[in-house]
Amino acid sequence: MFSTYQSVGYGEQLFMGNSSTSKVEGKGKVVLKMSSGKELTLNDVLHVPDIRKNLVSGSLLSKNGFQLVFESDKFLLTKSGMLVGKGYLSDGLFKMNVMTIVPINENKNKSSAYLLESSNVWHGRLGHVNFGTLHRLVNLNLLPKFQIDTNHKCKTCVEAKLTRTSFHSIERSSDPLELIHSDVCDLKFVQTRGGRKYFVTFIDDCTRYYYVYLLRSKDEALESFIHYKKEVENQLNKKIKVLRSDRGGEYESPFGEFCSQHGIVHQTTAPYSPQQNGVAERKNRTLKEMMNAMLISSGLPQNLWGEAILSANYILNKLPQKKLDKTPYELWKGRTPSYQF
């Protein structure tokens, strides 16, 4: 149970609530793997054989920066606004949902349990982004410095990720709105609470900054593009020149007519060649993988996929590009992003 343990001297006693005392045999560190996937490290845990239940002090958790929120017969444990764990009321006491107690081999090279935990926490916080991207964020001083746990194998990522196929890279546009990539994605499962079944993406080729809209039907793609066009052209004081999409029916008339009326060249892919719309295909795949990972790790119902997709989009716009040491957010808005979630 203890990851570190030290026996205490003879005579140390713990005073109980009924005025009796119990002998303390030792103390040490205990690491709890919570049902949320987070690890909670408890220091100076007392080993008292007379106590048959494992007790955690709520006041000590509060002193160490944790927040306990009680509601009816359950509670949430958070830190800095991030969910750490939860529990429920049973026999007059609140019990934590703990998956396992983690043993730590002290012979292993471990510079800091907190630092290793931080990389895994940021991995989950940023939608299960890969550790290479985390390393770039640290090097760009966008995240606090911490050790990257390269040996960490995330079961959620294994379960959520789809089969990857390669796409050929091509030269990017030099200015925002020169070329916009778009694709409509059908998730083929439960609708959102608002009845949405699809989402459409609009991705700027130059900055890779992208917008996501949830759709009830594919016909709403044009309405979303009109809204997108008005917003981005007003914000950047530029005009969209080219829109690239596949040959889906949602991009035919009246979508094509709208582009023609506004001087936008509408490029479409050759039949059965989705790789020609590789940017949008790749981004949609990444969005779905992050959505799956967030829903799996949180245990939330599938009808919240829309909120998960929008959250994934928000995160991806703040992650650095492989070939550019800047984020889409910075290239689009001209300022570095904040990660104060």
C-alpha atoms as a PDB file:
ATOM      1  CA  MET A   1       0.000   0.000   0.000  1.00  0.00           C
ATOM      2  CA  PHE A   2       2.786   2.450   0.914  1.00  0.00           C
ATOM      3  CA  SER A   3       5.138   3.547  -1.860  1.00  0.00           C
ATOM      4  CA  THR A   4       7.587   4.731   0.817  1.00  0.00           C
ATOM      5  CA  TYR A   5       7.480   3.656   4.448  1.00  0.00           C
ATOM      6  CA  GLN A   6       9.373   4.415   7.657  1.00  0.00           C
ATOM      7  CA  SER A   7       8.756   2.905  11.080  1.00  0.00           C
ATOM      8  CA  VAL A   8       8.247   5.367  13.925  1.00  0.00           C
ATOM      9  CA  GLY A   9       9.662   5.278  17.422  1.00  0.00           C
ATOM     10  CA  TYR A  10       7.970   3.522  20.300  1.00  0.00           C
ATOM     11  CA  GLY A  11       5.250   5.440  22.060  1.00  0.00           C
ATOM     12  CA  GLU A  12       3.753   7.532  19.232  1.00  0.00           C
ATOM     13  CA  GLN A  13      -0.016   7.493  19.638  1.00  0.00           C
ATOM     14  CA  LEU A  14      -2.998   8.742  17.678  1.00  0.00           C
ATOM     15  CA  PHE A  15      -5.853  10.258  19.689  1.00  0.00           C
ATOM     16  CA  MET A  16      -9.256   9.025  18.545  1.00  0.00           C
ATOM     17  CA  GLY A  17     -12.621  10.753  18.582  1.00  0.00           C
ATOM     18  CA  ASN A  18     -13.848   8.636  21.511  1.00  0.00           C
ATOM     19  CA  SER A  19     -10.900   9.798  23.681  1.00  0.00           C
ATOM     20  CA  SER A  20      -9.022   6.499  23.228  1.00  0.00           C
ATOM     21  CA  THR A  21      -5.565   6.173  21.649  1.00  0.00           C
ATOM     22  CA  SER A  22      -4.116   3.848  19.024  1.00  0.00           C
ATOM     23  CA  LYS A  23      -0.499   3.004  18.305  1.00  0.00           C
ATOM     24  CA  VAL A  24       1.173   4.443  15.191  1.00  0.00           C
ATOM     25  CA  GLU A  25       3.450   1.841  13.594  1.00  0.00           C
ATOM     26  CA  GLY A  26       4.885   3.979  10.800  1.00  0.00           C
ATOM     27  CA  LYS A  27       4.324   6.636   8.170  1.00  0.00           C
ATOM     28  CA  GLY A  28       4.986   7.109   4.488  1.00  0.00           C
ATOM     29  CA  LYS A  29       3.703   8.069   1.065  1.00  0.00           C
ATOM     30  CA  VAL A  30       0.612   6.641  -0.629  1.00  0.00           C
ATOM     31  CA  VAL A  31      -0.255   7.236  -4.303  1.00  0.00           C
ATOM     32  CA  LEU A  32      -3.912   6.785  -5.262  1.00  0.00           C
ATOM     33  CA  LYS A  33      -4.994   6.199  -8.852  1.00  0.00           C
ATOM     34  CA  MET A  34      -8.339   7.982  -9.031  1.00  0.00           C
ATOM     35  CA  SER A  35     -11.260   6.972 -11.247  1.00  0.00           C
ATOM     36  CA  SER A  36     -10.609  10.154 -13.271  1.00  0.00           C
ATOM     37  CA  GLY A  37      -7.218   8.755 -14.286  1.00  0.00           C
ATOM     38  CA  LYS A  38      -5.358  11.293 -12.141  1.00  0.00           C
ATOM     39  CA  GLU A  39      -2.923  10.296  -9.412  1.00  0.00           C
ATOM     40  CA  LEU A  40      -3.292  11.751  -5.906  1.00  0.00           C
ATOM     41  CA  THR A  41      -0.133  11.632  -3.782  1.00  0.00           C
ATOM     42  CA  LEU A  42      -0.609  11.627   0.003  1.00  0.00           C
ATOM     43  CA  ASN A  43       2.460  12.373   2.122  1.00  0.00           C
ATOM     44  CA  ASP A  44       3.036  11.568   5.823  1.00  0.00           C
ATOM     45  CA  VAL A  45       0.272   8.957   5.873  1.00  0.00           C
ATOM     46  CA  LEU A  46       0.080   7.275   9.290  1.00  0.00           C
ATOM     47  CA  HIS A  47      -0.040   3.481   9.600  1.00  0.00           C
ATOM     48  CA  VAL A  48      -2.424   2.685  12.473  1.00  0.00           C
ATOM     49  CA  PRO A  49      -3.313  -1.061  12.500  1.00  0.00           C
ATOM     50  CA  ASP A  50      -6.251  -0.532  14.891  1.00  0.00           C
ATOM     51  CA  ILE A  51      -8.057   1.569  12.277  1.00  0.00           C
ATOM     52  CA  ARG A  52      -9.700  -0.786   9.785  1.00  0.00           C
ATOM     53  CA  LYS A  53     -10.684   1.937   7.296  1.00  0.00           C
ATOM     54  CA  ASN A  54      -8.355   4.143   5.250  1.00  0.00           C
ATOM     55  CA  LEU A  55      -9.127   7.760   6.190  1.00  0.00           C
ATOM     56  CA  VAL A  56      -8.174  10.944   4.324  1.00  0.00           C
ATOM     57  CA  SER A  57      -8.348  14.362   5.989  1.00  0.00           C
ATOM     58  CA  GLY A  58     -10.429  16.859   4.041  1.00  0.00           C
ATOM     59  CA  SER A  59      -8.883  19.795   5.919  1.00  0.00           C
ATOM     60  CA  LEU A  60      -5.347  18.693   4.970  1.00  0.00           C
ATOM     61  CA  LEU A  61      -6.386  18.396   1.338  1.00  0.00           C
ATOM     62  CA  SER A  62      -7.738  21.957   1.519  1.00  0.00           C
ATOM     63  CA  LYS A  63      -4.485  23.220   3.050  1.00  0.00           C
ATOM     64  CA  ASN A  64      -2.622  21.724   0.093  1.00  0.00           C
ATOM     65  CA  GLY A  65      -4.655  23.587  -2.509  1.00  0.00           C
ATOM     66  CA  PHE A  66      -7.439  21.103  -3.187  1.00  0.00           C
ATOM     67  CA  GLN A  67     -11.109  22.061  -3.247  1.00  0.00           C
ATOM     68  CA  LEU A  68     -13.879  19.776  -2.009  1.00  0.00           C
ATOM     69  CA  VAL A  69     -17.349  20.429  -3.408  1.00  0.00           C
ATOM     70  CA  PHE A  70     -20.171  18.532  -1.692  1.00  0.00           C
ATOM     71  CA  GLU A  71     -23.546  18.108  -3.364  1.00  0.00           C
ATOM     72  CA  SER A  72     -26.254  15.851  -1.964  1.00  0.00           C
ATOM     73  CA  ASP A  73     -24.748  12.357  -1.676  1.00  0.00           C
ATOM     74  CA  LYS A  74     -21.570  12.923  -3.690  1.00  0.00           C
ATOM     75  CA  PHE A  75     -18.501  15.164  -3.794  1.00  0.00           C
ATOM     76  CA  LEU A  76     -15.909  16.398  -6.288  1.00  0.00           C
ATOM     77  CA  LEU A  77     -12.208  16.897  -5.559  1.00  0.00           C
ATOM     78  CA  THR A  78     -10.558  19.562  -7.727  1.00  0.00           C
ATOM     79  CA  LYS A  79      -7.321  21.525  -7.899  1.00  0.00           C
ATOM     80  CA  SER A  80      -6.835  24.731  -9.890  1.00  0.00           C
ATOM     81  CA  GLY A  81     -10.212  24.124 -11.512  1.00  0.00           C
ATOM     82  CA  MET A  82      -9.273  20.650 -12.743  1.00  0.00           C
ATOM     83  CA  LEU A  83     -11.134  17.525 -11.666  1.00  0.00           C
ATOM     84  CA  VAL A  84      -8.923  15.178  -9.643  1.00  0.00           C
ATOM     85  CA  GLY A  85     -11.479  12.712  -8.315  1.00  0.00           C
ATOM     86  CA  LYS A  86     -14.944  12.165  -6.935  1.00  0.00           C
ATOM     87  CA  GLY A  87     -16.749  10.124  -4.327  1.00  0.00           C
ATOM     88  CA  TYR A  88     -20.085   9.211  -2.811  1.00  0.00           C
ATOM     89  CA  LEU A  89     -21.802   8.998   0.570  1.00  0.00           C
ATOM     90  CA  SER A  90     -21.885   5.558   2.214  1.00  0.00           C
ATOM     91  CA  ASP A  91     -22.700   4.674   5.835  1.00  0.00           C
ATOM     92  CA  GLY A  92     -22.359   8.276   6.942  1.00  0.00           C
ATOM     93  CA  LEU A  93     -18.919   8.784   5.365  1.00  0.00           C
ATOM     94  CA  PHE A  94     -17.831  10.035   1.964  1.00  0.00           C
ATOM     95  CA  LYS A  95     -15.841   7.410   0.077  1.00  0.00           C
ATOM     96  CA  MET A  96     -13.371   8.249  -2.707  1.00  0.00           C
ATOM     97  CA  ASN A  97     -13.612   6.450  -6.030  1.00  0.00           C
ATOM     98  CA  VAL A  98     -10.119   4.945  -6.188  1.00  0.00           C
ATOM     99  CA  MET A  99      -9.116   2.555  -8.964  1.00  0.00           C
ATOM    100  CA  THR A 100      -5.898   1.312  -7.361  1.00  0.00           C
ATOM    101  CA  ILE A 101      -3.105   2.185  -4.948  1.00  0.00           C
ATOM    102  CA  VAL A 102       0.058   2.688  -6.984  1.00  0.00           C
ATOM    103  CA  PRO A 103       3.318   1.166  -5.724  1.00  0.00           C
ATOM    104  CA  ILE A 104       6.493   3.055  -6.686  1.00  0.00           C
ATOM    105  CA  ASN A 105       9.823   1.278  -7.138  1.00  0.00           C
ATOM    106  CA  GLU A 106      12.304   3.548  -5.414  1.00  0.00           C
ATOM    107  CA  ASN A 107      15.149   1.983  -7.370  1.00  0.00           C
ATOM    108  CA  LYS A 108      13.821   3.574 -10.540  1.00  0.00           C
ATOM    109  CA  ASN A 109      15.130   6.956 -11.592  1.00  0.00           C
ATOM    110  CA  LYS A 110      12.373   9.362 -10.558  1.00  0.00           C
ATOM    111  CA  SER A 111      13.379  13.004 -10.309  1.00  0.00           C
ATOM    112  CA  SER A 112      10.004  14.108  -8.986  1.00  0.00           C
ATOM    113  CA  ALA A 113       6.629  12.397  -8.743  1.00  0.00           C
ATOM    114  CA  TYR A 114       4.980  15.799  -9.124  1.00  0.00           C
ATOM    115  CA  LEU A 115       6.902  16.604 -12.296  1.00  0.00           C
ATOM    116  CA  LEU A 116       6.070  13.274 -13.903  1.00  0.00           C
ATOM    117  CA  GLU A 117       2.454  13.685 -12.916  1.00  0.00           C
ATOM    118  CA  SER A 118       2.421  17.166 -14.451  1.00  0.00           C
ATOM    119  CA  SER A 119       3.302  15.893 -17.933  1.00  0.00           C
ATOM    120  CA  ASN A 120       0.507  13.329 -17.758  1.00  0.00           C
ATOM    121  CA  VAL A 121      -1.904  15.942 -16.399  1.00  0.00           C
ATOM    122  CA  TRP A 122      -1.100  18.332 -19.273  1.00  0.00           C
ATOM    123  CA  HIS A 123      -1.369  15.426 -21.724  1.00  0.00           C
ATOM    124  CA  GLY A 124      -4.960  14.867 -20.575  1.00  0.00           C
ATOM    125  CA  ARG A 125      -5.760  18.555 -20.151  1.00  0.00           C
ATOM    126  CA  LEU A 126      -4.804  19.286 -23.765  1.00  0.00           C
ATOM    127  CA  GLY A 127      -7.051  16.583 -25.176  1.00  0.00           C
ATOM    128  CA  HIS A 128      -4.447  13.767 -25.056  1.00  0.00           C
ATOM    129  CA  VAL A 129      -1.987  15.611 -27.283  1.00  0.00           C
ATOM    130  CA  ASN A 130       1.244  13.755 -28.077  1.00  0.00           C
ATOM    131  CA  PHE A 131       4.257  14.278 -25.819  1.00  0.00           C
ATOM    132  CA  GLY A 132       6.325  15.770 -28.650  1.00  0.00           C
ATOM    133  CA  THR A 133       3.884  18.678 -28.793  1.00  0.00           C
ATOM    134  CA  LEU A 134       4.082  19.046 -25.007  1.00  0.00           C
ATOM    135  CA  HIS A 135       7.865  19.260 -25.316  1.00  0.00           C
ATOM    136  CA  ARG A 136       7.569  22.038 -27.917  1.00  0.00           C
ATOM    137  CA  LEU A 137       5.133  23.956 -25.705  1.00  0.00           C
ATOM    138  CA  VAL A 138       7.628  23.791 -22.829  1.00  0.00           C
ATOM    139  CA  ASN A 139      10.523  24.879 -25.083  1.00  0.00           C
ATOM    140  CA  LEU A 140       8.449  27.813 -26.345  1.00  0.00           C
ATOM    141  CA  ASN A 141       7.791  28.827 -22.708  1.00  0.00           C
ATOM    142  CA  LEU A 142       4.062  28.439 -23.251  1.00  0.00           C
ATOM    143  CA  LEU A 143       3.833  25.871 -20.445  1.00  0.00           C
ATOM    144  CA  PRO A 144       5.721  25.702 -17.132  1.00  0.00           C
ATOM    145  CA  LYS A 145       8.848  23.557 -17.269  1.00  0.00           C
ATOM    146  CA  PHE A 146       8.384  19.952 -16.211  1.00  0.00           C
ATOM    147  CA  GLN A 147       9.888  16.600 -17.064  1.00  0.00           C
ATOM    148  CA  ILE A 148       8.184  14.765 -19.920  1.00  0.00           C
ATOM    149  CA  ASP A 149       7.355  11.192 -18.990  1.00  0.00           C
ATOM    150  CA  THR A 150       8.229   9.584 -22.345  1.00  0.00           C
ATOM    151  CA  ASN A 151       7.606   6.081 -20.973  1.00  0.00           C
ATOM    152  CA  HIS A 152       3.984   6.838 -20.148  1.00  0.00           C
ATOM    153  CA  LYS A 153       1.582   4.664 -22.155  1.00  0.00           C
ATOM    154  CA  CYS A 154      -1.880   6.204 -22.170  1.00  0.00           C
ATOM    155  CA  LYS A 155      -4.553   3.509 -22.418  1.00  0.00           C
ATOM    156  CA  THR A 156      -7.121   6.138 -23.385  1.00  0.00           C
ATOM    157  CA  CYS A 157      -5.042   7.144 -26.421  1.00  0.00           C
ATOM    158  CA  VAL A 158      -4.718   3.524 -27.543  1.00  0.00           C
ATOM    159  CA  GLU A 159      -8.486   3.105 -27.304  1.00  0.00           C
ATOM    160  CA  ALA A 160      -9.352   6.433 -28.943  1.00  0.00           C
ATOM    161  CA  LYS A 161      -6.885   6.699 -31.830  1.00  0.00           C
ATOM    162  CA  LEU A 162      -7.867   5.659 -35.335  1.00  0.00           C
ATOM    163  CA  THR A 163      -5.707   4.078 -38.043  1.00  0.00           C
ATOM    164  CA  ARG A 164      -3.399   6.683 -39.531  1.00  0.00           C
ATOM    165  CA  THR A 165      -2.643   7.059 -43.232  1.00  0.00           C
ATOM    166  CA  SER A 166      -0.043   9.395 -44.669  1.00  0.00           C
ATOM    167  CA  PHE A 167      -0.786  12.537 -46.657  1.00  0.00           C
ATOM    168  CA  HIS A 168       1.709  14.230 -48.955  1.00  0.00           C
ATOM    169  CA  SER A 169       2.777  17.680 -47.764  1.00  0.00           C
ATOM    170  CA  ILE A 170       2.431  20.658 -50.092  1.00  0.00           C
ATOM    171  CA  GLU A 171       3.564  24.265 -49.893  1.00  0.00           C
ATOM    172  CA  ARG A 172       1.429  26.502 -47.712  1.00  0.00           C
ATOM    173  CA  SER A 173      -0.206  29.772 -48.677  1.00  0.00           C
ATOM    174  CA  SER A 174       1.717  32.867 -47.665  1.00  0.00           C
ATOM    175  CA  ASP A 175      -1.224  34.979 -46.456  1.00  0.00           C
ATOM    176  CA  PRO A 176      -4.342  34.276 -44.354  1.00  0.00           C
ATOM    177  CA  LEU A 177      -7.576  33.571 -46.273  1.00  0.00           C
ATOM    178  CA  GLU A 178      -5.755  32.849 -49.552  1.00  0.00           C
ATOM    179  CA  LEU A 179      -6.945  29.252 -49.273  1.00  0.00           C
ATOM    180  CA  ILE A 180      -9.546  27.708 -46.961  1.00  0.00           C
ATOM    181  CA  HIS A 181      -9.898  23.935 -46.558  1.00  0.00           C
ATOM    182  CA  SER A 182     -13.304  22.519 -45.636  1.00  0.00           C
ATOM    183  CA  ASP A 183     -14.830  19.138 -44.924  1.00  0.00           C
ATOM    184  CA  VAL A 184     -18.106  17.862 -43.461  1.00  0.00           C
ATOM    185  CA  CYS A 185     -17.848  14.905 -41.114  1.00  0.00           C
ATOM    186  CA  ASP A 186     -20.650  12.457 -40.301  1.00  0.00           C
ATOM    187  CA  LEU A 187     -20.061  10.827 -36.922  1.00  0.00           C
ATOM    188  CA  LYS A 188     -22.677   8.120 -37.529  1.00  0.00           C
ATOM    189  CA  PHE A 189     -23.732   7.791 -33.913  1.00  0.00           C
ATOM    190  CA  VAL A 190     -25.836   9.463 -31.240  1.00  0.00           C
ATOM    191  CA  GLN A 191     -27.029  13.014 -31.801  1.00  0.00           C
ATOM    192  CA  THR A 192     -25.978  15.857 -29.543  1.00  0.00           C
ATOM    193  CA  ARG A 193     -28.462  17.244 -27.047  1.00  0.00           C
ATOM    194  CA  GLY A 194     -29.291  19.877 -29.667  1.00  0.00           C
ATOM    195  CA  GLY A 195     -29.925  17.311 -32.402  1.00  0.00           C
ATOM    196  CA  ARG A 196     -26.633  17.792 -34.271  1.00  0.00           C
ATOM    197  CA  LYS A 197     -25.275  14.834 -36.256  1.00  0.00           C
ATOM    198  CA  TYR A 198     -22.434  16.400 -38.281  1.00  0.00           C
ATOM    199  CA  PHE A 199     -19.698  18.979 -38.002  1.00  0.00           C
ATOM    200  CA  VAL A 200     -17.985  21.109 -40.651  1.00  0.00           C
ATOM    201  CA  THR A 201     -14.485  22.574 -40.465  1.00  0.00           C
ATOM    202  CA  PHE A 202     -13.006  25.640 -42.174  1.00  0.00           C
ATOM    203  CA  ILE A 203      -9.204  25.708 -41.982  1.00  0.00           C
ATOM    204  CA  ASP A 204      -6.975  28.585 -43.058  1.00  0.00           C
ATOM    205  CA  ASP A 205      -4.084  27.149 -45.070  1.00  0.00           C
ATOM    206  CA  CYS A 206      -1.547  29.784 -44.006  1.00  0.00           C
ATOM    207  CA  THR A 207      -2.053  29.762 -40.230  1.00  0.00           C
ATOM    208  CA  ARG A 208      -3.860  26.404 -39.804  1.00  0.00           C
ATOM    209  CA  TYR A 209      -6.357  28.246 -37.569  1.00  0.00           C
ATOM    210  CA  TYR A 210      -9.720  26.608 -37.880  1.00  0.00           C
ATOM    211  CA  TYR A 211     -13.347  26.924 -37.023  1.00  0.00           C
ATOM    212  CA  VAL A 212     -15.813  24.136 -36.279  1.00  0.00           C
ATOM    213  CA  TYR A 213     -19.598  24.310 -36.613  1.00  0.00           C
ATOM    214  CA  LEU A 214     -22.072  21.640 -35.505  1.00  0.00           C
ATOM    215  CA  LEU A 215     -24.787  20.759 -38.033  1.00  0.00           C
ATOM    216  CA  ARG A 216     -28.202  19.119 -37.877  1.00  0.00           C
ATOM    217  CA  SER A 217     -27.958  18.293 -41.582  1.00  0.00           C
ATOM    218  CA  LYS A 218     -25.291  18.633 -44.268  1.00  0.00           C
ATOM    219  CA  ASP A 219     -27.377  21.331 -45.953  1.00  0.00           C
ATOM    220  CA  GLU A 220     -26.410  23.676 -43.099  1.00  0.00           C
ATOM    221  CA  ALA A 221     -22.797  23.723 -44.364  1.00  0.00           C
ATOM    222  CA  LEU A 222     -23.507  26.747 -46.574  1.00  0.00           C
ATOM    223  CA  GLU A 223     -25.112  28.685 -43.717  1.00  0.00           C
ATOM    224  CA  SER A 224     -22.038  27.966 -41.595  1.00  0.00           C
ATOM    225  CA  PHE A 225     -19.706  29.112 -44.383  1.00  0.00           C
ATOM    226  CA  ILE A 226     -21.629  32.377 -44.788  1.00  0.00           C
ATOM    227  CA  HIS A 227     -21.288  32.994 -41.045  1.00  0.00           C
ATOM    228  CA  TYR A 228     -17.592  32.052 -41.152  1.00  0.00           C
ATOM    229  CA  LYS A 229     -16.921  34.296 -44.164  1.00  0.00           C
ATOM    230  CA  LYS A 230     -18.501  37.345 -42.545  1.00  0.00           C
ATOM    231  CA  GLU A 231     -16.583  36.899 -39.299  1.00  0.00           C
ATOM    232  CA  VAL A 232     -13.085  36.188 -40.614  1.00  0.00           C
ATOM    233  CA  GLU A 233     -13.169  38.764 -43.404  1.00  0.00           C
ATOM    234  CA  ASN A 234     -14.258  41.409 -40.912  1.00  0.00           C
ATOM    235  CA  GLN A 235     -11.663  40.375 -38.308  1.00  0.00           C
ATOM    236  CA  LEU A 236      -8.704  40.197 -40.713  1.00  0.00           C
ATOM    237  CA  ASN A 237      -9.811  42.839 -43.223  1.00  0.00           C
ATOM    238  CA  LYS A 238      -9.073  40.370 -46.024  1.00  0.00           C
ATOM    239  CA  LYS A 239     -11.128  38.373 -48.525  1.00  0.00           C
ATOM    240  CA  ILE A 240     -11.374  34.621 -48.945  1.00  0.00           C
ATOM    241  CA  LYS A 241      -9.890  33.758 -52.351  1.00  0.00           C
ATOM    242  CA  VAL A 242     -10.088  29.969 -52.665  1.00  0.00           C
ATOM    243  CA  LEU A 243     -12.164  27.279 -50.950  1.00  0.00           C
ATOM    244  CA  ARG A 244     -11.040  23.653 -51.274  1.00  0.00           C
ATOM    245  CA  SER A 245     -13.392  20.765 -50.467  1.00  0.00           C
ATOM    246  CA  ASP A 246     -14.307  17.273 -51.592  1.00  0.00           C
ATOM    247  CA  ARG A 247     -17.144  16.559 -54.016  1.00  0.00           C
ATOM    248  CA  GLY A 248     -19.782  16.013 -51.344  1.00  0.00           C
ATOM    249  CA  GLY A 249     -23.305  17.015 -52.285  1.00  0.00           C
ATOM    250  CA  GLU A 250     -23.332  19.682 -49.574  1.00  0.00           C
ATOM    251  CA  TYR A 251     -20.704  21.629 -51.591  1.00  0.00           C
ATOM    252  CA  GLU A 252     -22.694  21.612 -54.834  1.00  0.00           C
ATOM    253  CA  SER A 253     -25.386  24.142 -55.767  1.00  0.00           C
ATOM    254  CA  PRO A 254     -26.270  26.449 -54.018  1.00  0.00           C
ATOM    255  CA  PHE A 255     -22.856  26.340 -52.247  1.00  0.00           C
ATOM    256  CA  GLY A 256     -20.989  26.627 -55.542  1.00  0.00           C
ATOM    257  CA  GLU A 257     -23.262  29.443 -56.694  1.00  0.00           C
ATOM    258  CA  PHE A 258     -22.538  31.414 -53.518  1.00  0.00           C
ATOM    259  CA  CYS A 259     -18.786  31.077 -54.088  1.00  0.00           C
ATOM    260  CA  SER A 260     -19.135  32.192 -57.699  1.00  0.00           C
ATOM    261  CA  GLN A 261     -21.221  35.234 -56.725  1.00  0.00           C
ATOM    262  CA  HIS A 262     -18.578  36.359 -54.238  1.00  0.00           C
ATOM    263  CA  GLY A 263     -15.526  35.789 -56.410  1.00  0.00           C
ATOM    264  CA  ILE A 264     -14.343  32.727 -54.487  1.00  0.00           C
ATOM    265  CA  VAL A 265     -12.682  29.982 -56.520  1.00  0.00           C
ATOM    266  CA  HIS A 266     -14.148  26.637 -55.395  1.00  0.00           C
ATOM    267  CA  GLN A 267     -11.621  23.824 -55.849  1.00  0.00           C
ATOM    268  CA  THR A 268     -12.885  20.250 -55.509  1.00  0.00           C
ATOM    269  CA  THR A 269     -10.976  16.983 -55.249  1.00  0.00           C
ATOM    270  CA  ALA A 270     -10.900  14.283 -57.891  1.00  0.00           C
ATOM    271  CA  PRO A 271     -13.321  11.380 -57.308  1.00  0.00           C
ATOM    272  CA  TYR A 272     -12.128   8.845 -54.712  1.00  0.00           C
ATOM    273  CA  SER A 273      -9.083  10.990 -53.860  1.00  0.00           C
ATOM    274  CA  PRO A 274      -9.652  12.319 -50.308  1.00  0.00           C
ATOM    275  CA  GLN A 275      -5.890  12.873 -49.928  1.00  0.00           C
ATOM    276  CA  GLN A 276      -6.246  15.892 -52.226  1.00  0.00           C
ATOM    277  CA  ASN A 277      -8.211  17.491 -49.391  1.00  0.00           C
ATOM    278  CA  GLY A 278      -5.612  16.191 -46.947  1.00  0.00           C
ATOM    279  CA  VAL A 279      -5.481  19.176 -44.599  1.00  0.00           C
ATOM    280  CA  ALA A 280      -9.192  19.014 -43.783  1.00  0.00           C
ATOM    281  CA  GLU A 281      -9.254  15.195 -43.691  1.00  0.00           C
ATOM    282  CA  ARG A 282      -6.285  15.108 -41.311  1.00  0.00           C
ATOM    283  CA  LYS A 283      -7.669  17.815 -39.030  1.00  0.00           C
ATOM    284  CA  ASN A 284     -11.065  16.136 -38.816  1.00  0.00           C
ATOM    285  CA  ARG A 285      -9.396  12.849 -37.929  1.00  0.00           C
ATOM    286  CA  THR A 286      -7.412  14.570 -35.170  1.00  0.00           C
ATOM    287  CA  LEU A 287     -10.562  16.231 -33.846  1.00  0.00           C
ATOM    288  CA  LYS A 288     -12.379  12.900 -33.669  1.00  0.00           C
ATOM    289  CA  GLU A 289      -9.460  11.212 -31.912  1.00  0.00           C
ATOM    290  CA  MET A 290      -9.305  13.962 -29.290  1.00  0.00           C
ATOM    291  CA  MET A 291     -13.088  13.855 -28.905  1.00  0.00           C
ATOM    292  CA  ASN A 292     -12.968  10.095 -28.313  1.00  0.00           C
ATOM    293  CA  ALA A 293     -10.123  10.430 -25.812  1.00  0.00           C
ATOM    294  CA  MET A 294     -11.892  13.145 -23.807  1.00  0.00           C
ATOM    295  CA  LEU A 295     -15.185  11.247 -23.660  1.00  0.00           C
ATOM    296  CA  ILE A 296     -13.470   7.982 -22.701  1.00  0.00           C
ATOM    297  CA  SER A 297     -11.245   9.496 -20.004  1.00  0.00           C
ATOM    298  CA  SER A 298     -14.053  11.585 -18.487  1.00  0.00           C
ATOM    299  CA  GLY A 299     -16.731   8.899 -18.652  1.00  0.00           C
ATOM    300  CA  LEU A 300     -19.192  11.420 -20.107  1.00  0.00           C
ATOM    301  CA  PRO A 301     -22.075  10.242 -22.328  1.00  0.00           C
ATOM    302  CA  GLN A 302     -21.690  10.089 -26.105  1.00  0.00           C
ATOM    303  CA  ASN A 303     -24.344  12.767 -26.662  1.00  0.00           C
ATOM    304  CA  LEU A 304     -21.766  15.313 -25.451  1.00  0.00           C
ATOM    305  CA  TRP A 305     -19.562  14.676 -28.489  1.00  0.00           C
ATOM    306  CA  GLY A 306     -20.415  18.155 -29.805  1.00  0.00           C
ATOM    307  CA  GLU A 307     -19.016  19.871 -26.716  1.00  0.00           C
ATOM    308  CA  ALA A 308     -15.958  17.597 -26.904  1.00  0.00           C
ATOM    309  CA  ILE A 309     -15.363  18.483 -30.579  1.00  0.00           C
ATOM    310  CA  LEU A 310     -15.568  22.219 -29.837  1.00  0.00           C
ATOM    311  CA  SER A 311     -13.193  21.797 -26.886  1.00  0.00           C
ATOM    312  CA  ALA A 312     -10.751  19.842 -29.061  1.00  0.00           C
ATOM    313  CA  ASN A 313     -10.859  22.610 -31.669  1.00  0.00           C
ATOM    314  CA  TYR A 314     -10.174  25.239 -28.985  1.00  0.00           C
ATOM    315  CA  ILE A 315      -7.146  23.247 -27.796  1.00  0.00           C
ATOM    316  CA  LEU A 316      -5.724  22.467 -31.244  1.00  0.00           C
ATOM    317  CA  ASN A 317      -5.683  26.135 -32.216  1.00  0.00           C
ATOM    318  CA  LYS A 318      -3.350  26.681 -29.247  1.00  0.00           C
ATOM    319  CA  LEU A 319      -0.879  23.894 -30.065  1.00  0.00           C
ATOM    320  CA  PRO A 320       2.294  24.632 -32.095  1.00  0.00           C
ATOM    321  CA  GLN A 321       2.611  23.440 -35.668  1.00  0.00           C
ATOM    322  CA  LYS A 322       5.310  20.903 -36.540  1.00  0.00           C
ATOM    323  CA  LYS A 323       7.055  23.065 -39.130  1.00  0.00           C
ATOM    324  CA  LEU A 324       6.449  26.378 -37.353  1.00  0.00           C
ATOM    325  CA  ASP A 325       7.370  27.089 -33.749  1.00  0.00           C
ATOM    326  CA  LYS A 326       4.173  29.089 -33.399  1.00  0.00           C
ATOM    327  CA  THR A 327       0.576  28.179 -32.712  1.00  0.00           C
ATOM    328  CA  PRO A 328      -2.307  28.797 -35.141  1.00  0.00           C
ATOM    329  CA  TYR A 329      -3.724  31.112 -32.464  1.00  0.00           C
ATOM    330  CA  GLU A 330      -0.610  33.309 -32.524  1.00  0.00           C
ATOM    331  CA  LEU A 331      -0.420  33.381 -36.324  1.00  0.00           C
ATOM    332  CA  TRP A 332      -4.125  34.257 -36.563  1.00  0.00           C
ATOM    333  CA  LYS A 333      -4.500  36.732 -33.698  1.00  0.00           C
ATOM    334  CA  GLY A 334      -0.951  38.084 -33.407  1.00  0.00           C
ATOM    335  CA  ARG A 335      -0.472  37.212 -29.729  1.00  0.00           C
ATOM    336  CA  THR A 336       0.624  34.182 -27.753  1.00  0.00           C
ATOM    337  CA  PRO A 337      -2.126  32.005 -26.268  1.00  0.00           C
ATOM    338  CA  SER A 338      -2.867  31.534 -22.583  1.00  0.00           C
ATOM    339  CA  TYR A 339      -3.095  28.093 -20.998  1.00  0.00           C
ATOM    340  CA  GLN A 340      -4.824  29.176 -17.789  1.00  0.00           C
ATOM    341  CA  PHE A 341      -7.623  26.602 -18.021  1.00  0.00           C
END
